Each structure stands twice: as structure tokens, then as C-alpha cells.
Amino acid sequence: MNHKDKIATVFSLFNNASIVEVQGDLAYLKLKIACQNLAQMIQPNFLYFYITLNHIEYIALVPWATKKNNIVLQDINTIFQNILAIGEVLVMDESDIISIKCYINNREIEGGDLNIQCQDIQIADEENNSISLNDLAYLVKQYWQNI
């Protein structure tokens, strides 16, 4: 699996989870992912996961209501000033950009496409213990089989 597919798969596995906090910059951006039901499968008191994006080459949020006006938010603090609920993930064939449909609970912005191009992604639990993509996929599979 190439890095683009890996990044898309990670975000796809967190479908319906929310990005609630960010730390870092374009070299190393750590996203706090609220996904209580899945996190509690690791440890009952867990609520979150962390995704770290390394060496971001491009990141932007294109709000849906403003697509006609060509508004593109590229400042990390502006992009993540609201909680972003992760939806459908699309792999852009013509580039290494991953496009994530995000829903935003905000009067001005209903949602937007979070477009990301980076070199690598890591997953960790709430205590920053590394989780492999295969282990995350297994957790998601177990979750859906048990509900």
C-alpha cells in the first residue's frame, strides 16, 4: 500500500469521528480524534485517538458554501477552529491529495472538503501508544461486528 492509500484508509476508518484538537505545524501535525466507542475497545476509559501527519505538502479546507467564490482556507489554526466531523474520503487520482468531506457545526460553514497531501501518517491511542493500520482496521471490524 502506498502512502496516499494508507492516509486515505486511516481517515476512512475514522468515518463519523471528529477532529477536536490540533497541535503542531506543517512538519508535524497531531490531530486529536474523538471516537469514544472505538477507543473504549482498547481501554474502557479512553475517548480519543491521535493521528500525526508528517511533512505536509498541502493542506486546505474548501468550505462547501463558498466553492463558487473560490475561498480556500490554508492556515492550520483557521482550518481547525471548528470541530470537523470526518465523512467520505476521496483519493484524487491526478495528485497525491486526499480529500475528506468534513461536516462542521457552525452557522457560517456547514462543511467542506479537507484536502491533505503529506508524506506519512501515524496512529496512536490516547496514551500515545502506536497503533498499526492493520490493528486499527481490526478494531473497526470488531466494532461493526459487535453492534
N, C-alpha and C. Protein backbone atom coordinates (compact mmCIF):
# COMPACT_ATOMS: atom_id res chain seq x y z
N MET A 1 0.85 -1.18 0.00
CA MET A 1 0.00 0.00 0.00
C MET A 1 0.89 1.24 0.00
N ASN A 2 0.64 2.15 -0.93
CA ASN A 2 1.43 3.38 -0.97
C ASN A 2 0.95 4.36 0.10
N HIS A 3 1.73 5.41 0.33
CA HIS A 3 1.41 6.33 1.43
C HIS A 3 0.07 7.04 1.21
N LYS A 4 -0.27 7.34 -0.02
CA LYS A 4 -1.55 8.01 -0.30
C LYS A 4 -2.72 7.12 0.10
N ASP A 5 -2.65 5.85 -0.25
CA ASP A 5 -3.72 4.91 0.10
C ASP A 5 -3.78 4.69 1.61
N LYS A 6 -2.62 4.66 2.25
CA LYS A 6 -2.57 4.49 3.71
C LYS A 6 -3.27 5.66 4.41
N ILE A 7 -2.96 6.87 3.97
CA ILE A 7 -3.56 8.06 4.57
C ILE A 7 -5.07 8.05 4.37
N ALA A 8 -5.51 7.73 3.16
CA ALA A 8 -6.94 7.67 2.87
C ALA A 8 -7.63 6.59 3.71
N THR A 9 -6.98 5.45 3.87
CA THR A 9 -7.56 4.35 4.66
C THR A 9 -7.71 4.75 6.12
N VAL A 10 -6.71 5.41 6.67
CA VAL A 10 -6.79 5.83 8.09
C VAL A 10 -8.00 6.74 8.28
N PHE A 11 -8.14 7.76 7.44
CA PHE A 11 -9.28 8.66 7.60
C PHE A 11 -10.60 7.94 7.35
N SER A 12 -10.62 7.01 6.41
CA SER A 12 -11.85 6.24 6.14
C SER A 12 -12.26 5.42 7.36
N LEU A 13 -11.28 4.86 8.05
CA LEU A 13 -11.59 4.06 9.25
C LEU A 13 -12.15 4.92 10.38
N PHE A 14 -11.83 6.21 10.36
CA PHE A 14 -12.36 7.12 11.37
C PHE A 14 -13.61 7.86 10.88
N ASN A 15 -14.32 7.29 9.92
CA ASN A 15 -15.56 7.88 9.42
C ASN A 15 -16.52 8.10 10.59
N ASN A 16 -17.10 9.26 10.66
CA ASN A 16 -18.03 9.70 11.72
C ASN A 16 -17.34 10.10 13.02
N ALA A 17 -16.03 9.99 13.08
CA ALA A 17 -15.29 10.52 14.23
C ALA A 17 -15.06 12.01 13.98
N SER A 18 -14.53 12.71 14.97
CA SER A 18 -14.34 14.15 14.84
C SER A 18 -12.92 14.56 15.19
N ILE A 19 -12.40 15.51 14.43
CA ILE A 19 -11.11 16.13 14.75
C ILE A 19 -11.43 17.26 15.72
N VAL A 20 -10.99 17.11 16.97
CA VAL A 20 -11.40 18.06 18.00
C VAL A 20 -10.28 18.99 18.46
N GLU A 21 -9.04 18.67 18.09
CA GLU A 21 -7.92 19.49 18.54
C GLU A 21 -6.72 19.19 17.65
N VAL A 22 -5.88 20.20 17.46
CA VAL A 22 -4.65 20.01 16.68
C VAL A 22 -3.48 20.67 17.39
N GLN A 23 -2.30 20.11 17.15
CA GLN A 23 -1.06 20.69 17.66
C GLN A 23 0.00 20.52 16.59
N GLY A 24 0.83 21.52 16.43
CA GLY A 24 1.96 21.38 15.53
C GLY A 24 1.90 22.30 14.34
N ASP A 25 2.64 21.89 13.31
CA ASP A 25 2.76 22.70 12.11
C ASP A 25 2.84 21.78 10.89
N LEU A 26 3.28 22.32 9.77
CA LEU A 26 3.31 21.55 8.54
C LEU A 26 4.33 20.41 8.56
N ALA A 27 5.31 20.50 9.44
CA ALA A 27 6.30 19.42 9.54
C ALA A 27 5.74 18.24 10.32
N TYR A 28 4.90 18.53 11.31
CA TYR A 28 4.43 17.50 12.24
C TYR A 28 3.12 17.99 12.84
N LEU A 29 1.99 17.53 12.33
CA LEU A 29 0.69 17.98 12.81
C LEU A 29 -0.04 16.83 13.47
N LYS A 30 -0.35 17.00 14.74
CA LYS A 30 -1.01 15.96 15.53
C LYS A 30 -2.48 16.31 15.69
N LEU A 31 -3.36 15.42 15.20
CA LEU A 31 -4.80 15.60 15.27
C LEU A 31 -5.38 14.72 16.37
N LYS A 32 -6.18 15.30 17.23
CA LYS A 32 -6.88 14.54 18.26
C LYS A 32 -8.23 14.13 17.69
N ILE A 33 -8.47 12.83 17.64
CA ILE A 33 -9.67 12.28 17.01
C ILE A 33 -10.60 11.73 18.09
N ALA A 34 -11.77 12.32 18.23
CA ALA A 34 -12.77 11.83 19.19
C ALA A 34 -13.53 10.67 18.55
N CYS A 35 -13.38 9.51 19.16
CA CYS A 35 -14.03 8.30 18.66
C CYS A 35 -14.18 7.35 19.84
N GLN A 36 -15.07 7.72 20.75
CA GLN A 36 -15.21 7.06 22.04
C GLN A 36 -15.47 5.56 21.94
N ASN A 37 -16.43 5.15 21.11
CA ASN A 37 -16.78 3.73 21.06
C ASN A 37 -15.61 2.87 20.63
N LEU A 38 -14.86 3.34 19.67
CA LEU A 38 -13.70 2.59 19.19
C LEU A 38 -12.55 2.66 20.19
N ALA A 39 -12.32 3.83 20.76
CA ALA A 39 -11.24 3.99 21.74
C ALA A 39 -11.46 3.11 22.97
N GLN A 40 -12.71 2.97 23.39
CA GLN A 40 -13.01 2.17 24.57
C GLN A 40 -12.78 0.68 24.34
N MET A 41 -12.64 0.27 23.09
CA MET A 41 -12.30 -1.13 22.82
C MET A 41 -10.84 -1.42 23.19
N ILE A 42 -10.03 -0.37 23.25
CA ILE A 42 -8.63 -0.52 23.67
C ILE A 42 -8.56 -0.50 25.19
N GLN A 43 -9.22 0.50 25.77
CA GLN A 43 -9.26 0.64 27.23
C GLN A 43 -10.57 1.36 27.57
N PRO A 44 -11.32 0.85 28.54
CA PRO A 44 -12.66 1.39 28.82
C PRO A 44 -12.75 2.89 29.09
N ASN A 45 -11.70 3.49 29.60
CA ASN A 45 -11.78 4.94 29.89
C ASN A 45 -11.25 5.82 28.76
N PHE A 46 -10.83 5.22 27.64
CA PHE A 46 -10.32 6.01 26.52
C PHE A 46 -11.47 6.66 25.74
N LEU A 47 -11.18 7.85 25.21
CA LEU A 47 -12.14 8.60 24.40
C LEU A 47 -11.58 9.00 23.03
N TYR A 48 -10.25 8.99 22.89
CA TYR A 48 -9.60 9.59 21.73
C TYR A 48 -8.54 8.70 21.09
N PHE A 49 -8.19 9.09 19.89
CA PHE A 49 -7.01 8.61 19.19
C PHE A 49 -6.22 9.83 18.75
N TYR A 50 -5.01 9.59 18.30
CA TYR A 50 -4.21 10.65 17.70
C TYR A 50 -3.74 10.19 16.32
N ILE A 51 -3.82 11.09 15.37
CA ILE A 51 -3.25 10.88 14.04
C ILE A 51 -2.18 11.95 13.88
N THR A 52 -1.01 11.54 13.47
CA THR A 52 0.05 12.51 13.20
C THR A 52 0.35 12.50 11.71
N LEU A 53 0.26 13.68 11.12
CA LEU A 53 0.59 13.88 9.71
C LEU A 53 2.00 14.45 9.63
N ASN A 54 2.87 13.79 8.89
CA ASN A 54 4.26 14.22 8.78
C ASN A 54 4.55 14.82 7.41
N HIS A 55 5.29 15.91 7.42
CA HIS A 55 5.75 16.57 6.20
C HIS A 55 4.58 16.90 5.27
N ILE A 56 3.71 17.76 5.76
CA ILE A 56 2.55 18.19 4.99
C ILE A 56 3.00 19.09 3.85
N GLU A 57 2.66 18.69 2.64
CA GLU A 57 3.00 19.49 1.47
C GLU A 57 1.85 20.41 1.08
N TYR A 58 0.63 20.01 1.45
CA TYR A 58 -0.54 20.83 1.14
C TYR A 58 -1.64 20.48 2.12
N ILE A 59 -2.28 21.51 2.64
CA ILE A 59 -3.47 21.32 3.47
C ILE A 59 -4.38 22.52 3.25
N ALA A 60 -5.66 22.23 3.04
CA ALA A 60 -6.61 23.32 2.82
C ALA A 60 -8.01 22.81 3.14
N LEU A 61 -8.86 23.71 3.56
CA LEU A 61 -10.28 23.44 3.76
C LEU A 61 -11.03 24.32 2.77
N VAL A 62 -11.81 23.67 1.92
CA VAL A 62 -12.63 24.39 0.95
C VAL A 62 -14.08 24.30 1.42
N PRO A 63 -14.60 25.35 2.06
CA PRO A 63 -15.98 25.31 2.55
C PRO A 63 -16.96 25.11 1.40
N TRP A 64 -17.97 24.27 1.61
CA TRP A 64 -18.92 23.96 0.55
C TRP A 64 -19.70 25.18 0.10
N ALA A 65 -20.15 25.98 1.03
CA ALA A 65 -20.98 27.13 0.67
C ALA A 65 -20.20 28.18 -0.11
N THR A 66 -18.89 28.12 -0.06
CA THR A 66 -18.09 29.16 -0.71
C THR A 66 -17.34 28.65 -1.93
N LYS A 67 -17.59 27.43 -2.35
CA LYS A 67 -16.88 26.90 -3.52
C LYS A 67 -17.02 27.80 -4.73
N LYS A 68 -18.19 28.41 -4.89
CA LYS A 68 -18.42 29.29 -6.03
C LYS A 68 -17.54 30.53 -5.95
N ASN A 69 -17.16 30.92 -4.73
CA ASN A 69 -16.35 32.12 -4.54
C ASN A 69 -14.86 31.81 -4.49
N ASN A 70 -14.51 30.55 -4.66
CA ASN A 70 -13.10 30.11 -4.65
C ASN A 70 -12.38 30.43 -3.35
N ILE A 71 -13.08 30.34 -2.23
CA ILE A 71 -12.44 30.56 -0.93
C ILE A 71 -11.79 29.25 -0.49
N VAL A 72 -10.51 29.35 -0.15
CA VAL A 72 -9.76 28.20 0.31
C VAL A 72 -9.03 28.62 1.59
N LEU A 73 -9.29 27.91 2.70
CA LEU A 73 -8.62 28.20 3.96
C LEU A 73 -7.37 27.34 4.05
N GLN A 74 -6.21 27.99 4.25
CA GLN A 74 -4.96 27.23 4.29
C GLN A 74 -4.19 27.39 5.58
N ASP A 75 -4.63 28.25 6.47
CA ASP A 75 -3.98 28.42 7.76
C ASP A 75 -4.47 27.32 8.71
N ILE A 76 -3.55 26.61 9.32
CA ILE A 76 -3.92 25.48 10.19
C ILE A 76 -4.88 25.90 11.29
N ASN A 77 -4.62 27.03 11.93
CA ASN A 77 -5.49 27.48 13.02
C ASN A 77 -6.90 27.81 12.52
N THR A 78 -7.00 28.36 11.33
CA THR A 78 -8.31 28.68 10.75
C THR A 78 -9.04 27.41 10.33
N ILE A 79 -8.33 26.48 9.71
CA ILE A 79 -8.93 25.23 9.27
C ILE A 79 -9.56 24.49 10.44
N PHE A 80 -8.84 24.42 11.55
CA PHE A 80 -9.28 23.60 12.68
C PHE A 80 -9.88 24.41 13.82
N GLN A 81 -10.38 25.62 13.54
CA GLN A 81 -11.00 26.42 14.60
C GLN A 81 -12.34 25.83 15.03
N ASN A 82 -12.94 25.01 14.18
CA ASN A 82 -14.18 24.30 14.50
C ASN A 82 -13.90 22.79 14.54
N ILE A 83 -14.75 22.07 15.22
CA ILE A 83 -14.66 20.60 15.21
C ILE A 83 -15.07 20.12 13.82
N LEU A 84 -14.27 19.25 13.24
CA LEU A 84 -14.54 18.70 11.92
C LEU A 84 -14.95 17.24 12.06
N ALA A 85 -16.17 16.91 11.65
CA ALA A 85 -16.64 15.52 11.66
C ALA A 85 -16.24 14.88 10.34
N ILE A 86 -15.52 13.77 10.42
CA ILE A 86 -14.97 13.11 9.24
C ILE A 86 -16.05 12.33 8.50
N GLY A 87 -16.14 12.59 7.21
CA GLY A 87 -17.09 11.88 6.36
C GLY A 87 -16.36 11.08 5.29
N GLU A 88 -16.90 11.09 4.10
CA GLU A 88 -16.35 10.32 2.99
C GLU A 88 -14.94 10.80 2.61
N VAL A 89 -14.11 9.84 2.25
CA VAL A 89 -12.74 10.13 1.85
C VAL A 89 -12.56 9.78 0.38
N LEU A 90 -11.98 10.73 -0.35
CA LEU A 90 -11.74 10.51 -1.78
C LEU A 90 -10.24 10.63 -2.06
N VAL A 91 -9.74 9.75 -2.90
CA VAL A 91 -8.35 9.83 -3.34
C VAL A 91 -8.36 10.51 -4.70
N MET A 92 -7.68 11.62 -4.79
CA MET A 92 -7.61 12.36 -6.04
C MET A 92 -6.61 11.67 -6.96
N ASP A 93 -7.07 11.13 -8.06
CA ASP A 93 -6.23 10.36 -8.97
C ASP A 93 -5.08 11.16 -9.57
N GLU A 94 -5.34 12.42 -9.85
CA GLU A 94 -4.36 13.22 -10.56
C GLU A 94 -3.25 13.76 -9.66
N SER A 95 -3.34 13.55 -8.37
CA SER A 95 -2.32 14.06 -7.44
C SER A 95 -2.24 13.15 -6.23
N ASP A 96 -1.42 13.53 -5.29
CA ASP A 96 -1.32 12.79 -4.03
C ASP A 96 -2.23 13.38 -2.96
N ILE A 97 -3.20 14.18 -3.36
CA ILE A 97 -4.10 14.83 -2.40
C ILE A 97 -5.24 13.89 -2.01
N ILE A 98 -5.48 13.83 -0.71
CA ILE A 98 -6.62 13.11 -0.16
C ILE A 98 -7.67 14.16 0.19
N SER A 99 -8.90 13.95 -0.22
CA SER A 99 -9.98 14.89 0.06
C SER A 99 -10.96 14.24 1.03
N ILE A 100 -11.15 14.87 2.18
CA ILE A 100 -12.01 14.34 3.23
C ILE A 100 -13.21 15.27 3.39
N LYS A 101 -14.39 14.75 3.18
CA LYS A 101 -15.61 15.54 3.40
C LYS A 101 -15.78 15.68 4.91
N CYS A 102 -15.87 16.92 5.38
CA CYS A 102 -16.00 17.18 6.81
C CYS A 102 -17.25 18.02 7.06
N TYR A 103 -17.97 17.65 8.09
CA TYR A 103 -19.16 18.38 8.50
C TYR A 103 -18.78 19.26 9.68
N ILE A 104 -19.26 20.49 9.65
CA ILE A 104 -18.88 21.48 10.66
C ILE A 104 -20.15 22.04 11.29
N ASN A 105 -20.20 22.05 12.61
CA ASN A 105 -21.35 22.60 13.32
C ASN A 105 -21.12 24.10 13.53
N ASN A 106 -21.40 24.86 12.48
CA ASN A 106 -21.15 26.29 12.50
C ASN A 106 -22.19 26.96 11.61
N ARG A 107 -22.71 28.07 12.06
CA ARG A 107 -23.74 28.77 11.27
C ARG A 107 -23.24 29.24 9.91
N GLU A 108 -21.98 29.60 9.86
CA GLU A 108 -21.42 30.15 8.62
C GLU A 108 -20.93 29.08 7.66
N ILE A 109 -20.47 27.96 8.20
CA ILE A 109 -19.91 26.90 7.36
C ILE A 109 -20.57 25.58 7.74
N GLU A 110 -21.28 25.00 6.80
CA GLU A 110 -21.93 23.70 7.01
C GLU A 110 -20.93 22.56 6.96
N GLY A 111 -19.93 22.73 6.14
CA GLY A 111 -18.90 21.71 5.97
C GLY A 111 -17.96 22.12 4.86
N GLY A 112 -17.05 21.21 4.56
CA GLY A 112 -16.10 21.50 3.50
C GLY A 112 -15.24 20.30 3.19
N ASP A 113 -14.43 20.43 2.17
CA ASP A 113 -13.50 19.39 1.78
C ASP A 113 -12.15 19.72 2.39
N LEU A 114 -11.67 18.84 3.26
CA LEU A 114 -10.34 18.98 3.84
C LEU A 114 -9.38 18.24 2.92
N ASN A 115 -8.53 18.97 2.25
CA ASN A 115 -7.60 18.40 1.28
C ASN A 115 -6.21 18.34 1.90
N ILE A 116 -5.63 17.15 1.88
CA ILE A 116 -4.34 16.93 2.53
C ILE A 116 -3.40 16.18 1.59
N GLN A 117 -2.17 16.65 1.57
CA GLN A 117 -1.09 15.91 0.93
C GLN A 117 0.07 15.90 1.90
N CYS A 118 0.48 14.72 2.33
CA CYS A 118 1.60 14.60 3.26
C CYS A 118 2.37 13.32 2.96
N GLN A 119 3.52 13.20 3.58
CA GLN A 119 4.40 12.07 3.29
C GLN A 119 4.11 10.84 4.13
N ASP A 120 3.56 11.02 5.33
CA ASP A 120 3.34 9.86 6.20
C ASP A 120 2.27 10.17 7.24
N ILE A 121 1.75 9.11 7.82
CA ILE A 121 0.73 9.23 8.85
C ILE A 121 0.99 8.16 9.92
N GLN A 122 0.82 8.53 11.16
CA GLN A 122 0.91 7.58 12.27
C GLN A 122 -0.38 7.64 13.08
N ILE A 123 -0.70 6.53 13.71
CA ILE A 123 -1.89 6.41 14.54
C ILE A 123 -1.44 6.05 15.95
N ALA A 124 -2.08 6.64 16.95
CA ALA A 124 -1.76 6.31 18.34
C ALA A 124 -3.03 6.32 19.16
N ASP A 125 -3.00 5.61 20.28
CA ASP A 125 -4.14 5.63 21.19
C ASP A 125 -4.03 6.86 22.10
N GLU A 126 -4.92 6.93 23.05
CA GLU A 126 -4.99 8.10 23.94
C GLU A 126 -3.72 8.30 24.78
N GLU A 127 -2.98 7.21 25.02
CA GLU A 127 -1.73 7.30 25.78
C GLU A 127 -0.51 7.38 24.85
N ASN A 128 -0.76 7.67 23.58
CA ASN A 128 0.29 7.80 22.57
C ASN A 128 1.03 6.51 22.26
N ASN A 129 0.39 5.37 22.50
CA ASN A 129 0.95 4.09 22.08
C ASN A 129 0.62 3.90 20.61
N SER A 130 1.63 3.58 19.83
CA SER A 130 1.47 3.42 18.39
C SER A 130 0.49 2.29 18.06
N ILE A 131 -0.33 2.52 17.04
CA ILE A 131 -1.29 1.52 16.55
C ILE A 131 -1.04 1.35 15.06
N SER A 132 -0.90 0.13 14.63
CA SER A 132 -0.69 -0.11 13.20
C SER A 132 -2.01 0.06 12.45
N LEU A 133 -1.90 0.26 11.16
CA LEU A 133 -3.10 0.36 10.32
C LEU A 133 -3.90 -0.94 10.39
N ASN A 134 -3.22 -2.07 10.38
CA ASN A 134 -3.91 -3.36 10.47
C ASN A 134 -4.66 -3.52 11.79
N ASP A 135 -4.05 -3.06 12.89
CA ASP A 135 -4.71 -3.15 14.20
C ASP A 135 -5.93 -2.23 14.25
N LEU A 136 -5.82 -1.04 13.68
CA LEU A 136 -6.96 -0.13 13.64
C LEU A 136 -8.09 -0.73 12.80
N ALA A 137 -7.75 -1.28 11.65
CA ALA A 137 -8.75 -1.91 10.79
C ALA A 137 -9.43 -3.07 11.51
N TYR A 138 -8.67 -3.82 12.28
CA TYR A 138 -9.23 -4.93 13.06
C TYR A 138 -10.21 -4.41 14.12
N LEU A 139 -9.83 -3.34 14.81
CA LEU A 139 -10.73 -2.74 15.82
C LEU A 139 -12.04 -2.30 15.19
N VAL A 140 -11.95 -1.64 14.05
CA VAL A 140 -13.15 -1.17 13.36
C VAL A 140 -14.03 -2.35 12.96
N LYS A 141 -13.41 -3.39 12.42
CA LYS A 141 -14.16 -4.58 12.02
C LYS A 141 -14.86 -5.22 13.23
N GLN A 142 -14.15 -5.33 14.34
CA GLN A 142 -14.73 -5.89 15.55
C GLN A 142 -15.89 -5.04 16.07
N TYR A 143 -15.70 -3.73 16.02
CA TYR A 143 -16.76 -2.82 16.46
C TYR A 143 -18.04 -3.06 15.66
N TRP A 144 -17.93 -3.08 14.33
CA TRP A 144 -19.12 -3.24 13.49
C TRP A 144 -19.74 -4.62 13.62
N GLN A 145 -18.95 -5.61 13.93
CA GLN A 145 -19.50 -6.96 14.11
C GLN A 145 -20.24 -7.11 15.44
N ASN A 146 -19.89 -6.25 16.39
CA ASN A 146 -20.47 -6.37 17.74
C ASN A 146 -21.66 -5.44 18.00
N ILE A 147 -22.00 -4.59 17.03
CA ILE A 147 -23.16 -3.72 17.30
C ILE A 147 -24.41 -4.27 16.63
